Amino acid sequence: MLDEGLAECLNEIAKMENLSQARVAQIMDLMKLPAEAKEFLIGLQNRAEILRYAY
């Protein structure tokens, strides 16, 4: 959204997507993870595995 010029800051994204500023910051932090970590998290299959890394 920032790259496409749809929003100028994270606060605008939060408002547009009806999310808290903190949640948008968490999502942006996930983007900073190494590729291997992202692939691992994306590959989680069942609810128990996902919840294990959710908090």
C-alpha atoms as a PDB file:
ATOM      1  CA  MET A   1       0.000   0.000   0.000  1.00  0.00           C
ATOM      2  CA  LEU A   2       2.861   2.325   0.759  1.00  0.00           C
ATOM      3  CA  ASP A   3       4.716   1.336  -2.404  1.00  0.00           C
ATOM      4  CA  GLU A   4       1.614   1.838  -4.549  1.00  0.00           C
ATOM      5  CA  GLY A   5       0.935   5.252  -3.047  1.00  0.00           C
ATOM      6  CA  LEU A   6      -2.394   4.160  -1.558  1.00  0.00           C
ATOM      7  CA  ALA A   7      -1.280   5.305   1.887  1.00  0.00           C
ATOM      8  CA  GLU A   8       1.401   7.662   3.125  1.00  0.00           C
ATOM      9  CA  CYS A   9       2.024   6.048   6.499  1.00  0.00           C
ATOM     10  CA  LEU A  10       1.243   3.002   8.625  1.00  0.00           C
ATOM     11  CA  ASN A  11      -1.432   4.929  10.497  1.00  0.00           C
ATOM     12  CA  GLU A  12      -3.330   5.417   7.228  1.00  0.00           C
ATOM     13  CA  ILE A  13      -3.063   1.708   6.462  1.00  0.00           C
ATOM     14  CA  ALA A  14      -4.449   0.887   9.910  1.00  0.00           C
ATOM     15  CA  LYS A  15      -7.440   3.142   9.321  1.00  0.00           C
ATOM     16  CA  MET A  16      -8.054   1.857   5.791  1.00  0.00           C
ATOM     17  CA  GLU A  17      -7.920  -1.790   6.879  1.00  0.00           C
ATOM     18  CA  ASN A  18      -9.732  -1.263  10.186  1.00  0.00           C
ATOM     19  CA  LEU A  19      -6.731  -2.494  12.181  1.00  0.00           C
ATOM     20  CA  SER A  20      -4.945  -1.066  15.170  1.00  0.00           C
ATOM     21  CA  GLN A  21      -1.661   0.716  14.627  1.00  0.00           C
ATOM     22  CA  ALA A  22      -0.019  -1.942  16.793  1.00  0.00           C
ATOM     23  CA  ARG A  23      -1.317  -4.752  14.547  1.00  0.00           C
ATOM     24  CA  VAL A  24      -0.015  -3.030  11.424  1.00  0.00           C
ATOM     25  CA  ALA A  25       3.367  -2.641  13.142  1.00  0.00           C
ATOM     26  CA  GLN A  26       3.359  -6.372  13.992  1.00  0.00           C
ATOM     27  CA  ILE A  27       2.622  -7.269  10.386  1.00  0.00           C
ATOM     28  CA  MET A  28       5.381  -4.980   9.151  1.00  0.00           C
ATOM     29  CA  ASP A  29       7.809  -6.616  11.603  1.00  0.00           C
ATOM     30  CA  LEU A  30       6.942 -10.027  10.131  1.00  0.00           C
ATOM     31  CA  MET A  31       8.101  -8.729   6.756  1.00  0.00           C
ATOM     32  CA  LYS A  32      11.576  -8.222   8.250  1.00  0.00           C
ATOM     33  CA  LEU A  33      11.979 -11.926   9.053  1.00  0.00           C
ATOM     34  CA  PRO A  34      14.494 -13.920   7.033  1.00  0.00           C
ATOM     35  CA  ALA A  35      13.020 -15.760   4.042  1.00  0.00           C
ATOM     36  CA  GLU A  36      13.516 -19.144   5.724  1.00  0.00           C
ATOM     37  CA  ALA A  37      11.450 -18.077   8.743  1.00  0.00           C
ATOM     38  CA  LYS A  38       8.666 -16.728   6.525  1.00  0.00           C
ATOM     39  CA  GLU A  39       8.586 -19.969   4.532  1.00  0.00           C
ATOM     40  CA  PHE A  40       8.432 -21.987   7.741  1.00  0.00           C
ATOM     41  CA  LEU A  41       5.508 -19.965   9.094  1.00  0.00           C
ATOM     42  CA  ILE A  42       3.642 -20.095   5.782  1.00  0.00           C
ATOM     43  CA  GLY A  43       4.101 -23.859   5.710  1.00  0.00           C
ATOM     44  CA  LEU A  44       2.391 -24.475   9.039  1.00  0.00           C
ATOM     45  CA  GLN A  45      -0.565 -26.737   8.361  1.00  0.00           C
ATOM     46  CA  ASN A  46      -2.719 -27.334  11.405  1.00  0.00           C
ATOM     47  CA  ARG A  47      -4.198 -25.095  14.051  1.00  0.00           C
ATOM     48  CA  ALA A  48      -2.030 -26.474  16.877  1.00  0.00           C
ATOM     49  CA  GLU A  49       1.160 -25.676  14.945  1.00  0.00           C
ATOM     50  CA  ILE A  50      -0.049 -22.191  14.093  1.00  0.00           C
ATOM     51  CA  LEU A  51      -1.095 -21.381  17.658  1.00  0.00           C
ATOM     52  CA  ARG A  52       2.270 -22.569  18.934  1.00  0.00           C
ATOM     53  CA  TYR A  53       3.890 -19.590  17.185  1.00  0.00           C
ATOM     54  CA  ALA A  54       1.031 -17.105  17.517  1.00  0.00           C
ATOM     55  CA  TYR A  55       1.921 -15.579  20.882  1.00  0.00           C
END
